[in-house]
C-alpha atoms as a PDB file:
ATOM      1  CA  MET A   1      12.960   3.775  -9.753  1.00  0.00           C
ATOM      2  CA  VAL A   2      15.446   4.095  -6.834  1.00  0.00           C
ATOM      3  CA  THR A   3      14.115   7.227  -6.007  1.00  0.00           C
ATOM      4  CA  GLN A   4      10.489   5.840  -5.773  1.00  0.00           C
ATOM      5  CA  ILE A   5      11.495   3.273  -3.612  1.00  0.00           C
ATOM      6  CA  VAL A   6      13.218   5.458  -1.209  1.00  0.00           C
ATOM      7  CA  THR A   7      10.103   7.436  -1.196  1.00  0.00           C
ATOM      8  CA  GLY A   8       8.036   4.543  -0.841  1.00  0.00           C
ATOM      9  CA  LEU A   9      10.236   3.122   2.377  1.00  0.00           C
ATOM     10  CA  ALA A  10       9.743   6.772   3.930  1.00  0.00           C
ATOM     11  CA  GLU A  11       5.908   6.640   3.423  1.00  0.00           C
ATOM     12  CA  GLY A  12       5.894   3.193   4.810  1.00  0.00           C
ATOM     13  CA  GLY A  13       7.828   4.171   7.743  1.00  0.00           C
ATOM     14  CA  ALA A  14       4.717   6.251   8.757  1.00  0.00           C
ATOM     15  CA  TYR A  15       2.200   3.416   8.119  1.00  0.00           C
ATOM     16  CA  ALA A  16       4.636   1.030   9.974  1.00  0.00           C
ATOM     17  CA  LEU A  17       4.152   2.840  13.272  1.00  0.00           C
ATOM     18  CA  LEU A  18       0.195   2.576  13.081  1.00  0.00           C
ATOM     19  CA  ALA A  19       0.811  -1.148  12.204  1.00  0.00           C
ATOM     20  CA  VAL A  20       2.887  -1.720  15.317  1.00  0.00           C
ATOM     21  CA  ALA A  21      -0.069  -0.263  17.146  1.00  0.00           C
ATOM     22  CA  ILE A  22      -2.652  -2.666  15.531  1.00  0.00           C
ATOM     23  CA  VAL A  23      -0.336  -5.662  16.490  1.00  0.00           C
ATOM     24  CA  LEU A  24       0.215  -4.676  20.037  1.00  0.00           C
ATOM     25  CA  VAL A  25      -3.535  -4.684  20.626  1.00  0.00           C
ATOM     26  CA  PHE A  26      -4.023  -7.877  18.656  1.00  0.00           C
ATOM     27  CA  SER A  27      -1.085  -9.487  20.401  1.00  0.00           C
ATOM     28  CA  GLY A  28      -2.464  -8.645  23.806  1.00  0.00           C
ATOM     29  CA  THR A  29      -6.380  -8.857  23.466  1.00  0.00           C
ATOM     30  CA  LYS A  30      -6.760 -10.729  19.999  1.00  0.00           C
ATOM     31  CA  VAL A  31      -8.832  -7.885  19.046  1.00  0.00           C
ATOM     32  CA  LEU A  32      -8.229  -6.274  15.620  1.00  0.00           C
ATOM     33  CA  SER A  33      -9.233  -2.830  16.304  1.00  0.00           C
ATOM     34  CA  LEU A  34     -10.468  -0.399  13.644  1.00  0.00           C
ATOM     35  CA  ALA A  35     -10.454   1.984  16.411  1.00  0.00           C
ATOM     36  CA  ILE A  36      -6.902   2.637  17.181  1.00  0.00           C
ATOM     37  CA  GLY A  37      -6.536   5.458  14.431  1.00  0.00           C
ATOM     38  CA  GLU A  38      -8.944   7.724  15.589  1.00  0.00           C
ATOM     39  CA  MET A  39      -7.802   7.141  19.144  1.00  0.00           C
ATOM     40  CA  GLY A  40      -4.746   8.655  17.989  1.00  0.00           C
ATOM     41  CA  ALA A  41      -5.995  11.239  15.996  1.00  0.00           C
ATOM     42  CA  PHE A  42      -8.641  12.593  18.666  1.00  0.00           C
ATOM     43  CA  GLY A  43      -5.943  14.256  20.958  1.00  0.00           C
ATOM     44  CA  LEU A  44      -4.008  15.458  17.700  1.00  0.00           C
ATOM     45  CA  MET A  45      -6.767  17.219  16.452  1.00  0.00           C
ATOM     46  CA  LEU A  46      -7.726  18.806  19.861  1.00  0.00           C
ATOM     47  CA  GLY A  47      -4.073  19.999  20.125  1.00  0.00           C
ATOM     48  CA  LEU A  48      -4.025  21.619  16.760  1.00  0.00           C
ATOM     49  CA  LYS A  49      -7.487  23.193  17.391  1.00  0.00           C
ATOM     50  CA  TRP A  50      -5.843  24.863  20.747  1.00  0.00           C
ATOM     51  CA  ASP A  51      -2.901  25.601  18.841  1.00  0.00           C
ATOM     52  CA  SER A  52      -5.371  28.604  17.130  1.00  0.00           C
ATOM     53  CA  THR A  53      -7.784  29.205  19.948  1.00  0.00           C
ATOM     54  CA  SER A  54      -5.455  28.688  23.058  1.00  0.00           C
ATOM     55  CA  VAL A  55      -5.867  25.975  25.718  1.00  0.00           C
ATOM     56  CA  PRO A  56      -9.108  26.577  27.744  1.00  0.00           C
ATOM     57  CA  LEU A  57      -8.894  27.721  31.441  1.00  0.00           C
ATOM     58  CA  ILE A  58      -5.264  28.743  31.091  1.00  0.00           C
ATOM     59  CA  GLY A  59      -5.403  30.555  27.729  1.00  0.00           C
ATOM     60  CA  TRP A  60      -2.040  29.403  26.528  1.00  0.00           C
ATOM     61  CA  ARG A  61      -0.813  28.860  23.070  1.00  0.00           C
ATOM     62  CA  PRO A  62       2.289  26.681  22.129  1.00  0.00           C
ATOM     63  CA  PRO A  63       4.587  28.630  19.980  1.00  0.00           C
ATOM     64  CA  GLU A  64       4.467  28.172  16.127  1.00  0.00           C
ATOM     65  CA  ASN A  65       7.804  26.236  16.030  1.00  0.00           C
ATOM     66  CA  VAL A  66       6.730  23.603  18.390  1.00  0.00           C
ATOM     67  CA  ALA A  67       2.962  23.357  17.505  1.00  0.00           C
ATOM     68  CA  GLY A  68       3.291  20.057  15.719  1.00  0.00           C
ATOM     69  CA  ALA A  69       5.361  18.572  18.944  1.00  0.00           C
ATOM     70  CA  PHE A  70       2.730  19.692  21.108  1.00  0.00           C
ATOM     71  CA  ALA A  71      -0.433  18.273  19.417  1.00  0.00           C
ATOM     72  CA  THR A  72       1.748  15.016  19.074  1.00  0.00           C
ATOM     73  CA  ALA A  73       2.475  15.149  22.719  1.00  0.00           C
ATOM     74  CA  LEU A  74      -1.101  15.467  23.404  1.00  0.00           C
ATOM     75  CA  ALA A  75      -2.532  13.066  21.098  1.00  0.00           C
ATOM     76  CA  VAL A  76      -0.025  10.479  22.916  1.00  0.00           C
ATOM     77  CA  LEU A  77      -1.391  11.439  26.116  1.00  0.00           C
ATOM     78  CA  CYS A  78      -5.328  11.681  24.912  1.00  0.00           C
ATOM     79  CA  GLY A  79      -4.633   8.032  23.307  1.00  0.00           C
ATOM     80  CA  ALA A  80      -3.177   6.373  26.671  1.00  0.00           C
ATOM     81  CA  VAL A  81      -6.485   8.109  28.437  1.00  0.00           C
ATOM     82  CA  LEU A  82      -9.044   6.714  25.534  1.00  0.00           C
ATOM     83  CA  GLY A  83      -7.178   3.387  25.951  1.00  0.00           C
ATOM     84  CA  VAL A  84      -8.057   3.020  29.581  1.00  0.00           C
ATOM     85  CA  VAL A  85     -11.635   4.075  28.934  1.00  0.00           C
ATOM     86  CA  VAL A  86     -12.344   2.022  25.845  1.00  0.00           C
ATOM     87  CA  GLU A  87     -10.665  -1.406  27.584  1.00  0.00           C
ATOM     88  CA  ARG A  88     -12.745  -0.692  30.725  1.00  0.00           C
ATOM     89  CA  PHE A  89     -15.989   0.396  29.644  1.00  0.00           C
ATOM     90  CA  ILE A  90     -16.393  -0.951  26.081  1.00  0.00           C
ATOM     91  CA  MET A  91     -14.062  -3.884  25.581  1.00  0.00           C
ATOM     92  CA  ARG A  92     -14.146  -5.530  28.856  1.00  0.00           C
ATOM     93  CA  PRO A  93     -18.180  -5.835  28.740  1.00  0.00           C
ATOM     94  CA  VAL A  94     -17.694  -7.550  25.354  1.00  0.00           C
ATOM     95  CA  GLU A  95     -14.681  -9.784  26.149  1.00  0.00           C
ATOM     96  CA  ASN A  96     -16.655 -13.049  25.618  1.00  0.00           C
ATOM     97  CA  ARG A  97     -18.265 -12.020  22.222  1.00  0.00           C
ATOM     98  CA  SER A  98     -17.206 -13.241  19.120  1.00  0.00           C
ATOM     99  CA  PRO A  99     -14.157 -11.699  17.159  1.00  0.00           C
ATOM    100  CA  ALA A 100     -16.557 -10.362  14.273  1.00  0.00           C
ATOM    101  CA  SER A 101     -18.780  -8.718  17.360  1.00  0.00           C
ATOM    102  CA  LYS A 102     -15.629  -7.236  18.628  1.00  0.00           C
ATOM    103  CA  LEU A 103     -14.504  -5.840  15.174  1.00  0.00           C
ATOM    104  CA  VAL A 104     -17.802  -4.116  14.982  1.00  0.00           C
ATOM    105  CA  VAL A 105     -17.699  -2.272  18.414  1.00  0.00           C
ATOM    106  CA  THR A 106     -14.132  -1.018  17.586  1.00  0.00           C
ATOM    107  CA  LEU A 107     -15.821   0.194  14.309  1.00  0.00           C
ATOM    108  CA  GLY A 108     -18.664   1.875  16.258  1.00  0.00           C
ATOM    109  CA  ILE A 109     -15.790   3.525  18.512  1.00  0.00           C
ATOM    110  CA  ALA A 110     -14.046   4.567  15.149  1.00  0.00           C
ATOM    111  CA  LEU A 111     -17.134   6.278  13.980  1.00  0.00           C
ATOM    112  CA  PHE A 112     -18.117   7.924  17.332  1.00  0.00           C
ATOM    113  CA  LEU A 113     -14.563   9.642  17.651  1.00  0.00           C
ATOM    114  CA  ALA A 114     -14.772  10.878  14.275  1.00  0.00           C
ATOM    115  CA  LEU A 115     -18.395  12.364  14.848  1.00  0.00           C
ATOM    116  CA  ALA A 116     -17.010  14.152  17.595  1.00  0.00           C
ATOM    117  CA  GLU A 117     -13.932  15.509  16.185  1.00  0.00           C
ATOM    118  CA  TYR A 118     -16.318  16.483  13.330  1.00  0.00           C
ATOM    119  CA  GLN A 119     -18.847  18.307  15.744  1.00  0.00           C
ATOM    120  CA  PHE A 120     -17.022  19.782  18.477  1.00  0.00           C
ATOM    121  CA  ILE A 121     -13.166  20.140  16.797  1.00  0.00           C
ATOM    122  CA  SER A 122     -13.350  20.591  13.174  1.00  0.00           C
ATOM    123  CA  ASN A 123     -15.341  19.851  10.328  1.00  0.00           C
ATOM    124  CA  SER A 124     -12.534  20.278   7.853  1.00  0.00           C
ATOM    125  CA  GLY A 125      -8.772  19.937   7.751  1.00  0.00           C
ATOM    126  CA  LEU A 126      -6.380  20.992  10.341  1.00  0.00           C
ATOM    127  CA  PRO A 127      -2.793  22.171   9.158  1.00  0.00           C
ATOM    128  CA  MET A 128      -0.112  19.868  10.709  1.00  0.00           C
ATOM    129  CA  THR A 129       3.423  20.894  11.314  1.00  0.00           C
ATOM    130  CA  SER A 130       6.326  18.663  11.966  1.00  0.00           C
ATOM    131  CA  PRO A 131       6.351  16.645  15.514  1.00  0.00           C
ATOM    132  CA  LEU A 132      10.068  17.592  15.560  1.00  0.00           C
ATOM    133  CA  GLY A 133       9.693  21.153  15.154  1.00  0.00           C
ATOM    134  CA  SER A 134      11.515  23.027  12.575  1.00  0.00           C
ATOM    135  CA  ALA A 135      14.145  20.473  12.579  1.00  0.00           C
ATOM    136  CA  GLY A 136      11.720  17.885  10.964  1.00  0.00           C
ATOM    137  CA  ILE A 137      11.366  19.717   7.758  1.00  0.00           C
ATOM    138  CA  ASN A 138      15.055  19.722   7.065  1.00  0.00           C
ATOM    139  CA  ARG A 139      16.164  17.720   4.183  1.00  0.00           C
ATOM    140  CA  LEU A 140      18.044  14.558   3.862  1.00  0.00           C
ATOM    141  CA  HIS A 141      19.466  13.815   0.351  1.00  0.00           C
ATOM    142  CA  LEU A 142      19.645   9.995  -0.028  1.00  0.00           C
ATOM    143  CA  LEU A 143      20.342   7.841  -3.601  1.00  0.00           C
ATOM    144  CA  GLY A 144      18.554  11.025  -5.428  1.00  0.00           C
ATOM    145  CA  SER A 145      15.737  11.454  -3.200  1.00  0.00           C
ATOM    146  CA  SER A 146      14.848  13.984  -0.793  1.00  0.00           C
ATOM    147  CA  LEU A 147      13.404  13.282   2.484  1.00  0.00           C
ATOM    148  CA  THR A 148      12.629  15.009   5.683  1.00  0.00           C
ATOM    149  CA  TRP A 149      13.720  14.067   8.871  1.00  0.00           C
ATOM    150  CA  ASP A 150      10.115  13.382   9.651  1.00  0.00           C
ATOM    151  CA  ASP A 151      10.724  10.523   7.162  1.00  0.00           C
ATOM    152  CA  VAL A 152      13.646   9.286   8.818  1.00  0.00           C
ATOM    153  CA  ALA A 153      12.150   9.545  12.548  1.00  0.00           C
ATOM    154  CA  SER A 154       8.959   7.801  11.672  1.00  0.00           C
ATOM    155  CA  LEU A 155      10.832   4.732  10.176  1.00  0.00           C
ATOM    156  CA  GLY A 156      13.351   4.769  12.959  1.00  0.00           C
ATOM    157  CA  LEU A 157      10.756   5.034  15.596  1.00  0.00           C
ATOM    158  CA  ALA A 158       8.813   1.864  14.496  1.00  0.00           C
ATOM    159  CA  VAL A 159      12.020  -0.017  14.015  1.00  0.00           C
ATOM    160  CA  VAL A 160      12.960   0.789  17.855  1.00  0.00           C
ATOM    161  CA  VAL A 161       9.330   0.241  19.333  1.00  0.00           C
ATOM    162  CA  ALA A 162       9.009  -2.942  17.234  1.00  0.00           C
ATOM    163  CA  VAL A 163      12.545  -4.191  18.658  1.00  0.00           C
ATOM    164  CA  LEU A 164      11.942  -2.890  22.312  1.00  0.00           C
ATOM    165  CA  MET A 165       8.558  -4.627  22.526  1.00  0.00           C
ATOM    166  CA  THR A 166       9.533  -7.811  20.881  1.00  0.00           C
ATOM    167  CA  LEU A 167      12.363  -7.898  23.610  1.00  0.00           C
ATOM    168  CA  PHE A 168       9.825  -6.890  26.400  1.00  0.00           C
ATOM    169  CA  LEU A 169       7.318  -9.640  25.561  1.00  0.00           C
ATOM    170  CA  ARG A 170       9.874 -12.255  25.197  1.00  0.00           C
ATOM    171  CA  LYS A 171      12.183 -11.435  28.331  1.00  0.00           C
ATOM    172  CA  THR A 172      10.085  -9.887  31.037  1.00  0.00           C
ATOM    173  CA  ARG A 173       7.424 -11.319  33.532  1.00  0.00           C
ATOM    174  CA  PHE A 174       4.655  -9.150  32.239  1.00  0.00           C
ATOM    175  CA  GLY A 175       5.551  -9.498  28.666  1.00  0.00           C
ATOM    176  CA  LEU A 176       5.339 -13.338  29.345  1.00  0.00           C
ATOM    177  CA  ALA A 177       1.869 -12.738  31.047  1.00  0.00           C
ATOM    178  CA  VAL A 178       0.851 -10.755  27.729  1.00  0.00           C
ATOM    179  CA  ARG A 179       1.718 -13.658  25.512  1.00  0.00           C
ATOM    180  CA  ALA A 180       0.042 -16.197  27.967  1.00  0.00           C
ATOM    181  CA  THR A 181      -3.088 -14.125  27.939  1.00  0.00           C
ATOM    182  CA  THR A 182      -3.276 -14.127  24.265  1.00  0.00           C
ATOM    183  CA  SER A 183      -2.964 -17.743  23.907  1.00  0.00           C
ATOM    184  CA  ASP A 184      -5.332 -18.967  26.599  1.00  0.00           C
ATOM    185  CA  PRO A 185      -6.818 -16.241  29.025  1.00  0.00           C
ATOM    186  CA  THR A 186      -8.667 -18.742  30.983  1.00  0.00           C
ATOM    187  CA  VAL A 187      -5.571 -20.779  31.886  1.00  0.00           C
ATOM    188  CA  SER A 188      -3.922 -17.288  32.843  1.00  0.00           C
ATOM    189  CA  ARG A 189      -6.479 -16.320  34.924  1.00  0.00           C
ATOM    190  CA  LEU A 190      -6.047 -19.967  36.886  1.00  0.00           C
ATOM    191  CA  LEU A 191      -2.145 -19.137  37.071  1.00  0.00           C
ATOM    192  CA  GLY A 192      -2.866 -15.715  38.388  1.00  0.00           C
ATOM    193  CA  VAL A 193      -2.550 -13.685  35.578  1.00  0.00           C
ATOM    194  CA  LYS A 194      -4.622 -10.421  35.965  1.00  0.00           C
ATOM    195  CA  VAL A 195      -5.902 -10.647  32.169  1.00  0.00           C
ATOM    196  CA  SER A 196      -7.724  -7.478  32.743  1.00  0.00           C
ATOM    197  CA  ARG A 197      -4.465  -5.541  33.509  1.00  0.00           C
ATOM    198  CA  VAL A 198      -2.830  -7.147  30.329  1.00  0.00           C
ATOM    199  CA  HIS A 199      -5.609  -5.884  28.402  1.00  0.00           C
ATOM    200  CA  ARG A 200      -5.414  -2.327  29.665  1.00  0.00           C
ATOM    201  CA  PHE A 201      -1.681  -2.240  29.041  1.00  0.00           C
ATOM    202  CA  THR A 202      -1.979  -3.284  25.393  1.00  0.00           C
ATOM    203  CA  TRP A 203      -5.018  -1.004  24.659  1.00  0.00           C
ATOM    204  CA  VAL A 204      -3.150   2.128  26.293  1.00  0.00           C
ATOM    205  CA  LEU A 205       0.359   1.162  24.755  1.00  0.00           C
ATOM    206  CA  GLY A 206      -1.288   0.870  21.306  1.00  0.00           C
ATOM    207  CA  ALA A 207      -3.352   4.230  21.460  1.00  0.00           C
ATOM    208  CA  ALA A 208      -0.605   6.191  22.745  1.00  0.00           C
ATOM    209  CA  LEU A 209       1.716   4.799  19.811  1.00  0.00           C
ATOM    210  CA  ALA A 210      -1.119   5.792  17.371  1.00  0.00           C
ATOM    211  CA  GLY A 211      -0.941   9.057  18.862  1.00  0.00           C
ATOM    212  CA  ILE A 212       2.812   9.404  17.661  1.00  0.00           C
ATOM    213  CA  ALA A 213       1.682   7.676  14.220  1.00  0.00           C
ATOM    214  CA  ALA A 214      -1.099  10.245  13.949  1.00  0.00           C
ATOM    215  CA  GLY A 215       1.530  13.226  14.085  1.00  0.00           C
ATOM    216  CA  PHE A 216       3.789  11.962  11.637  1.00  0.00           C
ATOM    217  CA  LEU A 217       1.413  10.640   9.051  1.00  0.00           C
ATOM    218  CA  SER A 218      -0.649  14.187   9.244  1.00  0.00           C
ATOM    219  CA  ALA A 219       2.708  16.108   8.849  1.00  0.00           C
ATOM    220  CA  THR A 220       3.463  13.968   5.754  1.00  0.00           C
ATOM    221  CA  SER A 221       0.315  15.049   4.237  1.00  0.00           C
ATOM    222  CA  GLY A 222       0.122  18.544   5.997  1.00  0.00           C
ATOM    223  CA  GLU A 223      -3.267  18.235   7.422  1.00  0.00           C
ATOM    224  CA  ILE A 224      -5.479  15.938   9.409  1.00  0.00           C
ATOM    225  CA  TYR A 225      -9.513  15.908   9.207  1.00  0.00           C
ATOM    226  CA  PRO A 226     -12.195  13.541  10.843  1.00  0.00           C
ATOM    227  CA  LEU A 227     -11.771   9.899   9.457  1.00  0.00           C
ATOM    228  CA  SER A 228      -8.211  10.492   7.850  1.00  0.00           C
ATOM    229  CA  MET A 229      -6.476   8.295  10.194  1.00  0.00           C
ATOM    230  CA  THR A 230      -9.231   5.540   9.573  1.00  0.00           C
ATOM    231  CA  ALA A 231      -8.406   5.838   6.037  1.00  0.00           C
ATOM    232  CA  ALA A 232      -4.322   5.676   6.832  1.00  0.00           C
ATOM    233  CA  LEU A 233      -5.300   2.457   9.074  1.00  0.00           C
ATOM    234  CA  LEU A 234      -6.419   0.773   5.915  1.00  0.00           C
ATOM    235  CA  TYR A 235      -2.784   0.653   4.638  1.00  0.00           C
ATOM    236  CA  ALA A 236      -1.327   0.096   8.165  1.00  0.00           C
ATOM    237  CA  MET A 237      -3.548  -3.153   8.372  1.00  0.00           C
ATOM    238  CA  ALA A 238      -2.654  -4.075   4.936  1.00  0.00           C
ATOM    239  CA  GLY A 239       1.002  -3.936   6.118  1.00  0.00           C
ATOM    240  CA  ALA A 240       0.231  -5.779   9.753  1.00  0.00           C
ATOM    241  CA  VAL A 241      -1.645  -8.620   7.493  1.00  0.00           C
ATOM    242  CA  ILE A 242       1.221  -9.133   5.019  1.00  0.00           C
ATOM    243  CA  GLY A 243       3.752  -9.242   7.965  1.00  0.00           C
ATOM    244  CA  GLY A 244       1.597 -11.118  10.513  1.00  0.00           C
ATOM    245  CA  LEU A 245      -0.922  -9.718  12.835  1.00  0.00           C
ATOM    246  CA  ASP A 246       1.190 -11.217  15.971  1.00  0.00           C
ATOM    247  CA  SER A 247       4.443 -10.050  14.386  1.00  0.00           C
ATOM    248  CA  LEU A 248       5.767  -6.673  15.404  1.00  0.00           C
ATOM    249  CA  GLY A 249       8.938  -7.020  13.125  1.00  0.00           C
ATOM    250  CA  GLY A 250       6.396  -8.283  10.347  1.00  0.00           C
ATOM    251  CA  ALA A 251       4.118  -5.426  10.756  1.00  0.00           C
ATOM    252  CA  VAL A 252       7.036  -3.247  10.141  1.00  0.00           C
ATOM    253  CA  LEU A 253       8.331  -5.083   6.844  1.00  0.00           C
ATOM    254  CA  GLY A 254       4.653  -5.256   5.494  1.00  0.00           C
ATOM    255  CA  SER A 255       4.294  -1.727   5.928  1.00  0.00           C
ATOM    256  CA  LEU A 256       7.280  -1.059   4.336  1.00  0.00           C
ATOM    257  CA  ILE A 257       6.326  -3.376   1.333  1.00  0.00           C
ATOM    258  CA  VAL A 258       3.098  -1.285   1.162  1.00  0.00           C
ATOM    259  CA  GLY A 259       4.860   1.956   1.056  1.00  0.00           C
ATOM    260  CA  VAL A 260       6.864   0.990  -1.847  1.00  0.00           C
ATOM    261  CA  LEU A 261       4.145  -0.150  -3.952  1.00  0.00           C
ATOM    262  CA  GLN A 262       2.585   3.158  -3.234  1.00  0.00           C
ATOM    263  CA  GLY A 263       5.975   4.765  -4.178  1.00  0.00           C
ATOM    264  CA  VAL A 264       6.363   3.141  -7.332  1.00  0.00           C
ATOM    265  CA  LEU A 265       2.914   2.487  -8.927  1.00  0.00           C
ATOM    266  CA  SER A 266       1.324   5.572  -7.934  1.00  0.00           C
ATOM    267  CA  PRO A 267       3.547   8.046 -10.074  1.00  0.00           C
ATOM    268  CA  ARG A 268       3.373   5.715 -12.792  1.00  0.00           C
ATOM    269  CA  PHE A 269      -0.278   4.348 -12.690  1.00  0.00           C
ATOM    270  CA  GLY A 270      -2.225   6.451 -10.278  1.00  0.00           C
ATOM    271  CA  SER A 271      -3.366   5.781  -6.855  1.00  0.00           C
ATOM    272  CA  THR A 272      -6.316   3.527  -7.771  1.00  0.00           C
ATOM    273  CA  ALA A 273      -3.815   0.837  -9.456  1.00  0.00           C
ATOM    274  CA  ALA A 274      -1.565   1.301  -6.433  1.00  0.00           C
ATOM    275  CA  VAL A 275      -4.708   0.498  -3.831  1.00  0.00           C
ATOM    276  CA  GLY A 276      -5.489  -2.440  -6.102  1.00  0.00           C
ATOM    277  CA  ALA A 277      -1.934  -4.102  -6.141  1.00  0.00           C
ATOM    278  CA  THR A 278      -1.791  -3.607  -2.192  1.00  0.00           C
ATOM    279  CA  LEU A 279      -5.111  -5.393  -1.900  1.00  0.00           C
ATOM    280  CA  GLY A 280      -3.829  -8.140  -4.324  1.00  0.00           C
ATOM    281  CA  LEU A 281      -0.784  -8.594  -2.505  1.00  0.00           C
ATOM    282  CA  VAL A 282      -2.811  -9.076   0.708  1.00  0.00           C
ATOM    283  CA  LEU A 283      -5.003 -11.642  -0.913  1.00  0.00           C
ATOM    284  CA  LEU A 284      -1.929 -13.671  -2.156  1.00  0.00           C
ATOM    285  CA  VAL A 285      -0.064 -13.559   1.026  1.00  0.00           C
ATOM    286  CA  LEU A 286      -3.229 -14.681   2.773  1.00  0.00           C
ATOM    287  CA  LEU A 287      -3.789 -17.487   0.055  1.00  0.00           C
ATOM    288  CA  ALA A 288      -0.109 -18.729   0.401  1.00  0.00           C
ATOM    289  CA  ARG A 289       0.302 -17.984   4.252  1.00  0.00           C
ATOM    290  CA  PRO A 290      -2.973 -17.088   6.212  1.00  0.00           C
ATOM    291  CA  ARG A 291      -0.779 -15.995   9.417  1.00  0.00           C
ATOM    292  CA  GLY A 292       1.027 -13.824   7.327  1.00  0.00           C
ATOM    293  CA  ILE A 293       4.904 -13.685   6.396  1.00  0.00           C
ATOM    294  CA  PHE A 294       6.176 -13.944  10.094  1.00  0.00           C
ATOM    295  CA  GLY A 295       2.914 -14.665  11.673  1.00  0.00           C
ATOM    296  CA  THR A 296       2.804 -17.766  14.018  1.00  0.00           C
ATOM    297  CA  VAL A 297       0.291 -20.513  14.522  1.00  0.00           C
ATOM    298  CA  ASN A 298      -1.130 -18.625  17.834  1.00  0.00           C
ATOM    299  CA  ALA A 299      -2.368 -15.678  15.750  1.00  0.00           C
ATOM    300  CA  GLY A 300      -5.628 -17.040  15.133  1.00  0.00           C
END
């Protein structure tokens, strides 16, 4: 049991990175994004393709021992660029639409990116190596479990990002502007806050973080394929909902809970039972505390 719990915590750490990205976008824009996973995955798949075919125009191929790191770095860069494009040309025009409408728009973005991945990058899985290079595959033995340094790094990054972003949102002028924009965009505009800049910031940062999450999640499974990050997004979103959609720390904790459920139940009862238990927990939390464990009254 202890081994399964530790393994589940490692898996939950990878989901936590993506859950933090979901919460960042929601905290700054009130948009529950179904697109953030594919926004992170697009650059990663592009980098993995160039690993085998070489980078266009310059004809350079990354060395095999850093191929995963190169692809993850490209995923971060590409995610940030997509964040700018999506916020400016897609989400801003629908800013005054209902939350349900914006949710559907983000689903359309995810499907469009997945189709682009399928048509122009790869219609099957691409092998993914460690984002940490050869060091990432080394093993750490803990309480009878054997973890890679990728597992440790993904959880550590999620915690560090959650702590730093929480401090940023509470202690800096721009962070306070982000929180004010979330509470009431109209009043924020009257007070001189550039709401569009706040929205762009959260989309760019969230999508860049999703690129890191894509790298670690894909390294865990050994490959990435179109829509695989959208599938992972469901687990990350479950963690975010359990912890609270406006709580970065809650997103990490909720994802760890989801990971432990997967780690404990899957080996004994199968993946279907684990998924069912996760959905059941989400429903229980929403019934008992609709804002999530650490959510606030401003998260609606």
